[in-house]
């Protein structure tokens, strides 16, 4: 029995090597490190700690960053294309990362500067975030936008890569673009002042 298990384990290891797969887990503690231009593309970095790290122009394309901690990190010019950032903490991130086709569902993104397209922010915490530029094809369903500033956001024309706002929570401090009607888009006004 032991010989059979050992043979199977060795065979699996050789198969991984033959496929060029990296069976060794990547380091996950990048707290307060200076990592500009670092390439994390295709990495599996679930739960990694990038808090207070300098990640200017870093590449996170196609990376899995579920539950990662980016709190206070500098993400100016970082690429987050096709990344999975579900349940991550991006509170107080500096700079504006380039987000496209990424998943930020349930992520904490308070006070973040955001420019993105074709991303999902379902249930994300975007309180006091700044959302600017041409935002299109994004799903903000159920996100918390209390105190957020969307005044500089360009809304796509009806029928063209529209964003989804159903169940978005906003308050009197949320700043919408001129002519945008959050109620007509399915957003819900909150009278709760507890942030």
N, C-alpha and C. Protein backbone atom coordinates (compact mmCIF):
# COMPACT_ATOMS: atom_id res chain seq x y z
N UNK A 1 0.82 -1.20 0.00
CA UNK A 1 0.00 0.00 0.00
C UNK A 1 0.87 1.27 0.00
N UNK A 2 1.91 1.28 0.88
CA UNK A 2 2.79 2.45 0.96
C UNK A 2 3.56 2.60 -0.34
N UNK A 3 4.04 1.48 -0.90
CA UNK A 3 4.78 1.53 -2.17
C UNK A 3 3.90 2.10 -3.28
N UNK A 4 2.61 1.70 -3.30
CA UNK A 4 1.68 2.20 -4.32
C UNK A 4 1.48 3.70 -4.19
N UNK A 5 1.28 4.19 -2.94
CA UNK A 5 1.10 5.63 -2.72
C UNK A 5 2.34 6.41 -3.10
N UNK A 6 3.52 5.88 -2.75
CA UNK A 6 4.78 6.54 -3.09
C UNK A 6 4.96 6.61 -4.59
N UNK A 7 4.61 5.53 -5.28
CA UNK A 7 4.71 5.51 -6.74
C UNK A 7 3.77 6.53 -7.36
N UNK A 8 2.54 6.60 -6.85
CA UNK A 8 1.57 7.57 -7.38
C UNK A 8 2.02 9.00 -7.11
N UNK A 9 2.55 9.26 -5.92
CA UNK A 9 3.01 10.61 -5.57
C UNK A 9 4.17 11.03 -6.47
N UNK A 10 5.14 10.14 -6.67
CA UNK A 10 6.28 10.45 -7.55
C UNK A 10 5.82 10.67 -8.98
N UNK A 11 4.88 9.84 -9.42
CA UNK A 11 4.37 9.97 -10.79
C UNK A 11 3.68 11.32 -10.96
N UNK A 12 2.91 11.74 -9.95
CA UNK A 12 2.22 13.04 -10.03
C UNK A 12 3.24 14.18 -10.06
N UNK A 13 4.29 14.06 -9.25
CA UNK A 13 5.32 15.11 -9.23
C UNK A 13 6.01 15.22 -10.57
N UNK A 14 6.37 14.06 -11.16
CA UNK A 14 7.02 14.10 -12.46
C UNK A 14 6.10 14.65 -13.54
N UNK A 15 4.79 14.36 -13.41
CA UNK A 15 3.82 14.91 -14.37
C UNK A 15 3.77 16.42 -14.28
N UNK A 16 3.79 16.95 -13.05
CA UNK A 16 3.78 18.40 -12.87
C UNK A 16 5.03 19.04 -13.47
N UNK A 17 6.18 18.39 -13.24
CA UNK A 17 7.42 18.94 -13.80
C UNK A 17 7.39 18.89 -15.32
N UNK A 18 6.85 17.81 -15.86
CA UNK A 18 6.79 17.68 -17.32
C UNK A 18 5.90 18.75 -17.93
N UNK A 19 4.85 19.14 -17.19
CA UNK A 19 3.93 20.17 -17.70
C UNK A 19 4.46 21.58 -17.44
N UNK A 20 5.56 21.69 -16.73
CA UNK A 20 6.10 23.02 -16.43
C UNK A 20 5.34 23.72 -15.33
N UNK A 21 4.60 22.97 -14.53
CA UNK A 21 3.80 23.55 -13.47
C UNK A 21 4.67 23.82 -12.24
N UNK A 22 4.34 24.85 -11.51
CA UNK A 22 5.07 25.14 -10.28
C UNK A 22 4.23 24.67 -9.11
N UNK A 23 4.68 23.58 -8.49
CA UNK A 23 3.93 23.00 -7.38
C UNK A 23 4.25 23.72 -6.08
N UNK A 24 5.31 24.52 -6.05
CA UNK A 24 5.71 25.23 -4.83
C UNK A 24 4.85 26.47 -4.68
N UNK A 25 4.33 26.69 -3.48
CA UNK A 25 3.48 27.85 -3.23
C UNK A 25 4.32 29.13 -3.29
N UNK A 26 3.75 30.16 -3.89
CA UNK A 26 4.44 31.45 -4.00
C UNK A 26 4.43 32.14 -2.64
N UNK A 27 5.49 32.92 -2.32
CA UNK A 27 5.48 33.65 -1.05
C UNK A 27 4.31 34.63 -1.04
N UNK A 28 3.75 34.83 0.15
CA UNK A 28 2.55 35.66 0.21
C UNK A 28 2.69 36.86 1.12
N UNK A 29 3.85 37.13 1.68
CA UNK A 29 4.03 38.29 2.56
C UNK A 29 4.86 39.35 1.84
N UNK A 30 4.14 40.36 1.31
CA UNK A 30 4.79 41.45 0.59
C UNK A 30 4.56 42.77 1.31
N UNK A 31 4.18 42.70 2.58
CA UNK A 31 3.87 43.89 3.36
C UNK A 31 5.03 44.88 3.34
N UNK A 32 4.70 46.14 2.98
CA UNK A 32 5.64 47.26 3.04
C UNK A 32 6.88 47.07 2.15
N UNK A 33 6.77 46.23 1.14
CA UNK A 33 7.91 46.02 0.23
C UNK A 33 7.84 46.99 -0.95
N UNK A 34 8.99 47.29 -1.51
CA UNK A 34 9.10 48.16 -2.68
C UNK A 34 9.20 47.29 -3.92
N UNK A 35 8.09 47.15 -4.65
CA UNK A 35 8.01 46.20 -5.77
C UNK A 35 7.49 46.84 -7.06
N UNK A 36 8.03 48.01 -7.46
CA UNK A 36 7.53 48.60 -8.71
C UNK A 36 7.87 47.70 -9.91
N UNK A 37 6.96 47.65 -10.86
CA UNK A 37 7.15 46.88 -12.10
C UNK A 37 7.23 45.37 -11.88
N UNK A 38 6.95 44.89 -10.69
CA UNK A 38 7.01 43.45 -10.40
C UNK A 38 5.90 42.74 -11.18
N UNK A 39 6.20 41.55 -11.68
CA UNK A 39 5.23 40.78 -12.46
C UNK A 39 4.67 39.65 -11.60
N UNK A 40 3.35 39.72 -11.34
CA UNK A 40 2.63 38.70 -10.60
C UNK A 40 1.61 38.01 -11.52
N UNK A 41 1.70 38.26 -12.80
CA UNK A 41 0.72 37.74 -13.76
C UNK A 41 0.54 36.24 -13.61
N UNK A 42 -0.71 35.80 -13.68
CA UNK A 42 -1.10 34.38 -13.60
C UNK A 42 -0.80 33.75 -12.25
N UNK A 43 -0.38 34.54 -11.28
CA UNK A 43 -0.05 33.99 -9.96
C UNK A 43 -1.26 33.63 -9.14
N UNK A 44 -1.09 32.69 -8.25
CA UNK A 44 -2.13 32.33 -7.29
C UNK A 44 -1.69 32.92 -5.96
N UNK A 45 -2.26 34.07 -5.61
CA UNK A 45 -1.85 34.84 -4.45
C UNK A 45 -3.03 35.10 -3.52
N UNK A 46 -3.89 34.11 -3.39
CA UNK A 46 -5.05 34.23 -2.52
C UNK A 46 -4.58 34.46 -1.08
N UNK A 47 -5.11 35.48 -0.43
CA UNK A 47 -4.75 35.78 0.95
C UNK A 47 -3.41 36.47 1.13
N UNK A 48 -2.75 36.85 0.03
CA UNK A 48 -1.44 37.51 0.13
C UNK A 48 -1.55 38.87 0.80
N UNK A 49 -0.49 39.27 1.49
CA UNK A 49 -0.46 40.56 2.18
C UNK A 49 0.42 41.54 1.40
N UNK A 50 -0.25 42.48 0.70
CA UNK A 50 0.43 43.54 -0.04
C UNK A 50 0.25 44.89 0.66
N UNK A 51 -0.19 44.87 1.91
CA UNK A 51 -0.50 46.12 2.60
C UNK A 51 0.73 47.03 2.66
N UNK A 52 0.50 48.31 2.36
CA UNK A 52 1.53 49.36 2.39
C UNK A 52 2.69 49.12 1.43
N UNK A 53 2.55 48.19 0.50
CA UNK A 53 3.61 47.93 -0.48
C UNK A 53 3.56 48.95 -1.62
N UNK A 54 4.71 49.21 -2.23
CA UNK A 54 4.77 50.06 -3.42
C UNK A 54 4.72 49.12 -4.62
N UNK A 55 3.60 49.19 -5.36
CA UNK A 55 3.35 48.28 -6.48
C UNK A 55 3.08 49.06 -7.76
N UNK A 56 3.76 50.20 -7.93
CA UNK A 56 3.56 51.02 -9.13
C UNK A 56 3.88 50.20 -10.37
N UNK A 57 2.95 50.24 -11.33
CA UNK A 57 3.10 49.56 -12.61
C UNK A 57 3.30 48.04 -12.49
N UNK A 58 2.95 47.46 -11.35
CA UNK A 58 3.04 46.01 -11.19
C UNK A 58 2.00 45.34 -12.09
N UNK A 59 2.27 44.11 -12.48
CA UNK A 59 1.38 43.37 -13.37
C UNK A 59 0.71 42.23 -12.59
N UNK A 60 -0.63 42.30 -12.51
CA UNK A 60 -1.41 41.27 -11.84
C UNK A 60 -2.39 40.62 -12.83
N UNK A 61 -2.08 40.67 -14.12
CA UNK A 61 -2.99 40.13 -15.13
C UNK A 61 -3.28 38.65 -14.86
N UNK A 62 -4.55 38.29 -14.90
CA UNK A 62 -5.01 36.90 -14.75
C UNK A 62 -4.62 36.29 -13.41
N UNK A 63 -4.25 37.10 -12.42
CA UNK A 63 -3.87 36.57 -11.11
C UNK A 63 -5.10 36.30 -10.25
N UNK A 64 -4.97 35.34 -9.35
CA UNK A 64 -6.01 35.06 -8.37
C UNK A 64 -5.59 35.71 -7.06
N UNK A 65 -6.34 36.73 -6.64
CA UNK A 65 -5.99 37.55 -5.48
C UNK A 65 -7.13 37.58 -4.47
N UNK A 66 -7.87 36.48 -4.38
CA UNK A 66 -9.00 36.41 -3.46
C UNK A 66 -8.52 36.64 -2.03
N UNK A 67 -9.24 37.48 -1.31
CA UNK A 67 -8.95 37.80 0.10
C UNK A 67 -7.58 38.45 0.30
N UNK A 68 -6.94 38.94 -0.75
CA UNK A 68 -5.63 39.60 -0.61
C UNK A 68 -5.79 40.94 0.12
N UNK A 69 -4.75 41.36 0.81
CA UNK A 69 -4.76 42.61 1.56
C UNK A 69 -3.87 43.63 0.86
N UNK A 70 -4.52 44.63 0.23
CA UNK A 70 -3.80 45.72 -0.44
C UNK A 70 -3.95 47.02 0.33
N UNK A 71 -4.39 46.95 1.56
CA UNK A 71 -4.69 48.16 2.33
C UNK A 71 -3.49 49.10 2.38
N UNK A 72 -3.70 50.35 1.90
CA UNK A 72 -2.66 51.37 1.93
C UNK A 72 -1.57 51.20 0.89
N UNK A 73 -1.68 50.22 0.00
CA UNK A 73 -0.65 49.99 -1.02
C UNK A 73 -0.70 51.06 -2.11
N UNK A 74 0.43 51.27 -2.78
CA UNK A 74 0.50 52.20 -3.92
C UNK A 74 0.36 51.38 -5.19
N UNK A 75 -0.82 51.48 -5.82
CA UNK A 75 -1.12 50.72 -7.04
C UNK A 75 -1.18 51.61 -8.28
N UNK A 76 -0.49 52.74 -8.24
CA UNK A 76 -0.52 53.65 -9.39
C UNK A 76 -0.03 52.93 -10.64
N UNK A 77 -0.90 52.85 -11.65
CA UNK A 77 -0.54 52.25 -12.92
C UNK A 77 -0.44 50.74 -12.92
N UNK A 78 -0.81 50.09 -11.80
CA UNK A 78 -0.77 48.63 -11.76
C UNK A 78 -1.84 48.05 -12.69
N UNK A 79 -1.54 46.92 -13.30
CA UNK A 79 -2.47 46.27 -14.22
C UNK A 79 -3.20 45.15 -13.51
N UNK A 80 -4.54 45.23 -13.51
CA UNK A 80 -5.37 44.21 -12.87
C UNK A 80 -6.35 43.62 -13.88
N UNK A 81 -5.88 43.35 -15.07
CA UNK A 81 -6.73 42.81 -16.13
C UNK A 81 -7.03 41.33 -15.87
N UNK A 82 -8.31 40.98 -15.93
CA UNK A 82 -8.77 39.60 -15.75
C UNK A 82 -8.34 39.01 -14.41
N UNK A 83 -8.13 39.85 -13.41
CA UNK A 83 -7.74 39.36 -12.09
C UNK A 83 -8.98 39.07 -11.24
N UNK A 84 -8.86 38.13 -10.31
CA UNK A 84 -9.95 37.83 -9.39
C UNK A 84 -9.57 38.37 -8.02
N UNK A 85 -10.20 39.50 -7.63
CA UNK A 85 -9.87 40.20 -6.41
C UNK A 85 -11.05 40.12 -5.43
N UNK A 86 -11.81 39.05 -5.55
CA UNK A 86 -12.99 38.83 -4.71
C UNK A 86 -12.61 38.83 -3.23
N UNK A 87 -13.39 39.53 -2.41
CA UNK A 87 -13.22 39.58 -0.96
C UNK A 87 -11.89 40.21 -0.51
N UNK A 88 -11.19 40.92 -1.39
CA UNK A 88 -9.91 41.55 -1.02
C UNK A 88 -10.15 42.88 -0.33
N UNK A 89 -9.11 43.40 0.33
CA UNK A 89 -9.18 44.69 1.01
C UNK A 89 -8.29 45.68 0.26
N UNK A 90 -8.93 46.67 -0.40
CA UNK A 90 -8.20 47.70 -1.12
C UNK A 90 -8.47 49.07 -0.51
N UNK A 91 -8.74 49.08 0.78
CA UNK A 91 -9.02 50.33 1.49
C UNK A 91 -7.81 51.25 1.46
N UNK A 92 -8.04 52.52 1.17
CA UNK A 92 -7.00 53.55 1.18
C UNK A 92 -5.84 53.28 0.22
N UNK A 93 -6.11 52.56 -0.88
CA UNK A 93 -5.10 52.34 -1.90
C UNK A 93 -4.72 53.67 -2.54
N UNK A 94 -3.44 53.85 -2.81
CA UNK A 94 -2.97 55.08 -3.47
C UNK A 94 -2.88 54.84 -4.97
N UNK A 95 -3.17 55.89 -5.75
CA UNK A 95 -3.09 55.77 -7.20
C UNK A 95 -4.33 55.12 -7.78
N UNK A 96 -4.34 55.00 -9.10
CA UNK A 96 -5.46 54.39 -9.81
C UNK A 96 -4.96 53.20 -10.62
N UNK A 97 -5.22 51.98 -10.15
CA UNK A 97 -4.83 50.83 -10.95
C UNK A 97 -5.69 50.74 -12.21
N UNK A 98 -5.19 50.07 -13.23
CA UNK A 98 -5.92 49.90 -14.48
C UNK A 98 -6.68 48.59 -14.40
N UNK A 99 -8.00 48.68 -14.27
CA UNK A 99 -8.84 47.51 -14.05
C UNK A 99 -9.68 47.22 -15.27
N UNK A 100 -9.60 45.99 -15.74
CA UNK A 100 -10.41 45.59 -16.88
C UNK A 100 -10.75 44.11 -16.75
N UNK A 101 -12.02 43.78 -16.91
CA UNK A 101 -12.49 42.39 -16.85
C UNK A 101 -12.13 41.72 -15.52
N UNK A 102 -12.06 42.47 -14.45
CA UNK A 102 -11.69 41.91 -13.15
C UNK A 102 -12.91 41.75 -12.25
N UNK A 103 -12.75 40.93 -11.21
CA UNK A 103 -13.83 40.67 -10.26
C UNK A 103 -13.46 41.21 -8.90
N UNK A 104 -14.22 42.22 -8.43
CA UNK A 104 -14.01 42.83 -7.13
C UNK A 104 -15.21 42.56 -6.22
N UNK A 105 -15.90 41.46 -6.43
CA UNK A 105 -17.12 41.17 -5.67
C UNK A 105 -16.80 41.13 -4.17
N UNK A 106 -17.61 41.85 -3.40
CA UNK A 106 -17.50 41.94 -1.94
C UNK A 106 -16.17 42.51 -1.46
N UNK A 107 -15.39 43.11 -2.33
CA UNK A 107 -14.11 43.70 -1.91
C UNK A 107 -14.33 44.98 -1.12
N UNK A 108 -13.41 45.28 -0.21
CA UNK A 108 -13.44 46.54 0.55
C UNK A 108 -12.58 47.52 -0.23
N UNK A 109 -13.21 48.60 -0.72
CA UNK A 109 -12.51 49.53 -1.59
C UNK A 109 -12.76 50.97 -1.14
N UNK A 110 -12.86 51.17 0.15
CA UNK A 110 -13.16 52.50 0.68
C UNK A 110 -12.07 53.49 0.30
N UNK A 111 -12.52 54.66 -0.13
CA UNK A 111 -11.64 55.78 -0.49
C UNK A 111 -10.68 55.46 -1.63
N UNK A 112 -11.01 54.51 -2.47
CA UNK A 112 -10.15 54.14 -3.60
C UNK A 112 -10.49 55.00 -4.81
N UNK A 113 -9.49 55.33 -5.63
CA UNK A 113 -9.71 56.00 -6.91
C UNK A 113 -9.83 54.91 -7.96
N UNK A 114 -10.96 54.89 -8.65
CA UNK A 114 -11.25 53.77 -9.52
C UNK A 114 -11.54 54.20 -10.96
N UNK A 115 -10.88 53.53 -11.90
CA UNK A 115 -11.19 53.65 -13.32
C UNK A 115 -11.24 52.23 -13.83
N UNK A 116 -12.35 51.85 -14.47
CA UNK A 116 -12.43 50.46 -14.89
C UNK A 116 -13.44 50.27 -16.01
N UNK A 117 -13.37 49.08 -16.61
CA UNK A 117 -14.40 48.68 -17.57
C UNK A 117 -14.58 47.17 -17.51
N UNK A 118 -15.81 46.75 -17.77
CA UNK A 118 -16.18 45.33 -17.78
C UNK A 118 -15.74 44.60 -16.51
N UNK A 119 -15.92 45.23 -15.35
CA UNK A 119 -15.57 44.61 -14.07
C UNK A 119 -16.83 44.36 -13.25
N UNK A 120 -16.74 43.48 -12.27
CA UNK A 120 -17.85 43.26 -11.36
C UNK A 120 -17.46 43.74 -9.96
N UNK A 121 -18.40 44.47 -9.34
CA UNK A 121 -18.22 45.01 -7.99
C UNK A 121 -19.42 44.63 -7.13
N UNK A 122 -19.98 43.45 -7.35
CA UNK A 122 -21.18 43.03 -6.64
C UNK A 122 -20.92 43.00 -5.13
N UNK A 123 -21.72 43.77 -4.40
CA UNK A 123 -21.60 43.80 -2.95
C UNK A 123 -20.32 44.43 -2.43
N UNK A 124 -19.58 45.13 -3.29
CA UNK A 124 -18.32 45.74 -2.86
C UNK A 124 -18.57 46.95 -1.96
N UNK A 125 -17.63 47.22 -1.07
CA UNK A 125 -17.70 48.38 -0.18
C UNK A 125 -16.90 49.51 -0.82
N UNK A 126 -17.61 50.41 -1.49
CA UNK A 126 -16.98 51.53 -2.20
C UNK A 126 -17.30 52.86 -1.52
N UNK A 127 -17.50 52.82 -0.21
CA UNK A 127 -17.81 54.05 0.50
C UNK A 127 -16.67 55.05 0.36
N UNK A 128 -17.03 56.28 0.03
CA UNK A 128 -16.10 57.40 -0.12
C UNK A 128 -15.07 57.18 -1.22
N UNK A 129 -15.32 56.24 -2.12
CA UNK A 129 -14.43 56.02 -3.26
C UNK A 129 -14.67 57.09 -4.31
N UNK A 130 -13.68 57.29 -5.18
CA UNK A 130 -13.83 58.20 -6.31
C UNK A 130 -13.83 57.35 -7.57
N UNK A 131 -14.91 57.42 -8.33
CA UNK A 131 -15.05 56.64 -9.56
C UNK A 131 -15.14 57.64 -10.71
N UNK A 132 -14.14 57.59 -11.59
CA UNK A 132 -14.06 58.61 -12.64
C UNK A 132 -13.72 57.97 -13.98
N UNK A 133 -13.88 58.77 -15.02
CA UNK A 133 -13.55 58.31 -16.37
C UNK A 133 -14.72 57.59 -17.02
N UNK A 134 -14.45 56.97 -18.13
CA UNK A 134 -15.48 56.26 -18.89
C UNK A 134 -15.65 54.87 -18.31
N UNK A 135 -16.62 54.72 -17.43
CA UNK A 135 -16.91 53.44 -16.77
C UNK A 135 -18.02 52.76 -17.55
N UNK A 136 -17.74 51.57 -18.08
CA UNK A 136 -18.78 50.90 -18.87
C UNK A 136 -18.72 49.39 -18.66
N UNK A 137 -19.88 48.76 -18.83
CA UNK A 137 -19.99 47.31 -18.73
C UNK A 137 -19.70 46.77 -17.34
N UNK A 138 -19.83 47.58 -16.31
CA UNK A 138 -19.53 47.15 -14.94
C UNK A 138 -20.80 46.80 -14.19
N UNK A 139 -20.69 45.85 -13.28
CA UNK A 139 -21.82 45.44 -12.46
C UNK A 139 -21.56 45.86 -11.01
N UNK A 140 -22.30 46.89 -10.56
CA UNK A 140 -22.18 47.40 -9.19
C UNK A 140 -23.32 46.89 -8.31
N UNK A 141 -24.03 45.88 -8.75
CA UNK A 141 -25.21 45.39 -8.02
C UNK A 141 -24.90 45.17 -6.54
N UNK A 142 -25.72 45.79 -5.68
CA UNK A 142 -25.59 45.61 -4.25
C UNK A 142 -24.38 46.27 -3.60
N UNK A 143 -23.62 47.05 -4.36
CA UNK A 143 -22.44 47.71 -3.79
C UNK A 143 -22.85 48.87 -2.89
N UNK A 144 -21.98 49.22 -1.95
CA UNK A 144 -22.22 50.33 -1.04
C UNK A 144 -21.46 51.56 -1.55
N UNK A 145 -22.20 52.55 -2.04
CA UNK A 145 -21.59 53.76 -2.59
C UNK A 145 -21.89 54.98 -1.74
N UNK A 146 -22.13 54.78 -0.46
CA UNK A 146 -22.39 55.92 0.41
C UNK A 146 -21.17 56.83 0.48
N UNK A 147 -21.39 58.10 0.20
CA UNK A 147 -20.31 59.08 0.25
C UNK A 147 -19.36 59.02 -0.93
N UNK A 148 -19.63 58.17 -1.91
CA UNK A 148 -18.74 58.04 -3.08
C UNK A 148 -18.91 59.23 -4.02
N UNK A 149 -17.84 59.54 -4.75
CA UNK A 149 -17.88 60.63 -5.72
C UNK A 149 -17.80 60.05 -7.12
N UNK A 150 -18.92 60.09 -7.84
CA UNK A 150 -18.97 59.59 -9.21
C UNK A 150 -19.20 60.74 -10.20
N UNK A 151 -19.03 61.97 -9.72
CA UNK A 151 -19.34 63.13 -10.53
C UNK A 151 -18.56 63.16 -11.85
N UNK A 152 -17.31 62.68 -11.84
CA UNK A 152 -16.48 62.71 -13.06
C UNK A 152 -16.59 61.42 -13.87
N UNK A 153 -17.58 60.60 -13.57
CA UNK A 153 -17.78 59.37 -14.32
C UNK A 153 -18.57 59.67 -15.59
N UNK A 154 -18.12 59.12 -16.70
CA UNK A 154 -18.85 59.26 -17.96
C UNK A 154 -19.72 58.03 -18.14
N UNK A 155 -21.01 58.25 -18.25
CA UNK A 155 -21.97 57.15 -18.39
C UNK A 155 -22.15 56.82 -19.86
N UNK A 156 -22.05 55.53 -20.23
CA UNK A 156 -22.26 55.18 -21.64
C UNK A 156 -23.70 55.43 -22.07
N UNK A 157 -23.93 55.69 -23.33
CA UNK A 157 -25.29 55.91 -23.82
C UNK A 157 -26.16 54.66 -23.62
N UNK A 158 -27.46 54.88 -23.48
CA UNK A 158 -28.40 53.76 -23.31
C UNK A 158 -28.19 52.72 -24.40
N UNK A 159 -28.15 51.46 -23.98
CA UNK A 159 -28.01 50.37 -24.93
C UNK A 159 -26.58 50.06 -25.32
N UNK A 160 -25.61 50.80 -24.79
CA UNK A 160 -24.20 50.57 -25.15
C UNK A 160 -23.38 50.29 -23.90
N UNK A 161 -23.06 49.03 -23.65
CA UNK A 161 -22.21 48.61 -22.53
C UNK A 161 -22.62 49.29 -21.22
N UNK A 162 -23.90 49.24 -20.94
CA UNK A 162 -24.41 49.90 -19.74
C UNK A 162 -23.90 49.24 -18.47
N UNK A 163 -23.80 50.04 -17.42
CA UNK A 163 -23.45 49.53 -16.10
C UNK A 163 -24.71 49.06 -15.39
N UNK A 164 -24.57 48.18 -14.41
CA UNK A 164 -25.71 47.69 -13.64
C UNK A 164 -25.61 48.24 -12.21
N UNK A 165 -26.73 48.84 -11.76
CA UNK A 165 -26.76 49.53 -10.46
C UNK A 165 -27.82 48.97 -9.52
N UNK A 166 -28.44 47.84 -9.85
CA UNK A 166 -29.55 47.32 -9.06
C UNK A 166 -29.10 47.02 -7.62
N UNK A 167 -29.85 47.59 -6.67
CA UNK A 167 -29.58 47.35 -5.26
C UNK A 167 -28.39 48.10 -4.69
N UNK A 168 -27.79 49.01 -5.49
CA UNK A 168 -26.69 49.82 -4.98
C UNK A 168 -27.21 50.70 -3.85
N UNK A 169 -26.44 50.80 -2.77
CA UNK A 169 -26.81 51.66 -1.64
C UNK A 169 -26.06 52.98 -1.78
N UNK A 170 -26.79 54.08 -1.70
CA UNK A 170 -26.16 55.40 -1.74
C UNK A 170 -26.82 56.29 -0.71
N UNK A 171 -26.21 57.45 -0.44
CA UNK A 171 -26.80 58.38 0.52
C UNK A 171 -26.76 59.80 -0.04
N UNK A 172 -27.14 60.74 0.80
CA UNK A 172 -27.17 62.13 0.36
C UNK A 172 -25.78 62.67 0.02
N UNK A 173 -24.74 62.02 0.50
CA UNK A 173 -23.38 62.46 0.22
C UNK A 173 -22.80 61.86 -1.06
N UNK A 174 -23.51 60.93 -1.67
CA UNK A 174 -23.05 60.33 -2.93
C UNK A 174 -23.21 61.35 -4.05
N UNK A 175 -22.15 61.61 -4.78
CA UNK A 175 -22.19 62.59 -5.88
C UNK A 175 -22.26 61.84 -7.21
N UNK A 176 -23.38 61.99 -7.90
CA UNK A 176 -23.60 61.32 -9.19
C UNK A 176 -23.27 62.26 -10.34
N UNK A 177 -23.01 61.72 -11.53
CA UNK A 177 -22.80 62.60 -12.70
C UNK A 177 -24.07 63.37 -13.04
N UNK A 178 -23.92 64.51 -13.66
CA UNK A 178 -25.07 65.31 -14.07
C UNK A 178 -25.99 64.48 -14.95
N UNK A 179 -27.29 64.53 -14.64
CA UNK A 179 -28.29 63.85 -15.45
C UNK A 179 -28.46 62.38 -15.12
N UNK A 180 -27.69 61.84 -14.19
CA UNK A 180 -27.80 60.43 -13.84
C UNK A 180 -28.88 60.26 -12.76
N UNK A 181 -29.81 59.34 -12.97
CA UNK A 181 -30.90 59.10 -12.03
C UNK A 181 -30.70 57.74 -11.36
N UNK A 182 -30.12 57.72 -10.15
CA UNK A 182 -29.84 56.44 -9.51
C UNK A 182 -31.09 55.61 -9.22
N UNK A 183 -32.20 56.27 -8.88
CA UNK A 183 -33.44 55.55 -8.58
C UNK A 183 -33.94 54.81 -9.82
N UNK A 184 -33.89 55.48 -10.96
CA UNK A 184 -34.32 54.85 -12.22
C UNK A 184 -33.42 53.66 -12.58
N UNK A 185 -32.19 53.67 -12.09
CA UNK A 185 -31.24 52.59 -12.37
C UNK A 185 -31.32 51.46 -11.35
N UNK A 186 -32.19 51.62 -10.32
CA UNK A 186 -32.39 50.56 -9.34
C UNK A 186 -31.60 50.72 -8.06
N UNK A 187 -30.95 51.87 -7.87
CA UNK A 187 -30.20 52.12 -6.64
C UNK A 187 -31.14 52.49 -5.51
N UNK A 188 -30.69 52.30 -4.27
CA UNK A 188 -31.53 52.51 -3.10
C UNK A 188 -30.90 53.57 -2.19
N UNK A 189 -31.69 54.60 -1.88
CA UNK A 189 -31.21 55.67 -1.01
C UNK A 189 -31.24 55.20 0.44
N UNK A 190 -30.11 55.34 1.13
CA UNK A 190 -30.02 54.96 2.54
C UNK A 190 -30.06 56.22 3.40
N UNK A 191 -30.86 56.16 4.44
CA UNK A 191 -30.91 57.27 5.39
C UNK A 191 -30.02 56.99 6.60
N UNK A 192 -29.37 55.82 6.59
CA UNK A 192 -28.51 55.42 7.70
C UNK A 192 -27.21 56.21 7.65
N UNK A 193 -26.96 56.99 8.66
CA UNK A 193 -25.74 57.82 8.70
C UNK A 193 -24.55 57.06 9.27
N UNK A 194 -24.79 55.82 9.75
CA UNK A 194 -23.70 55.03 10.31
C UNK A 194 -22.86 54.45 9.19
N UNK A 195 -21.63 55.00 9.06
CA UNK A 195 -20.73 54.50 8.02
C UNK A 195 -19.72 53.59 8.63
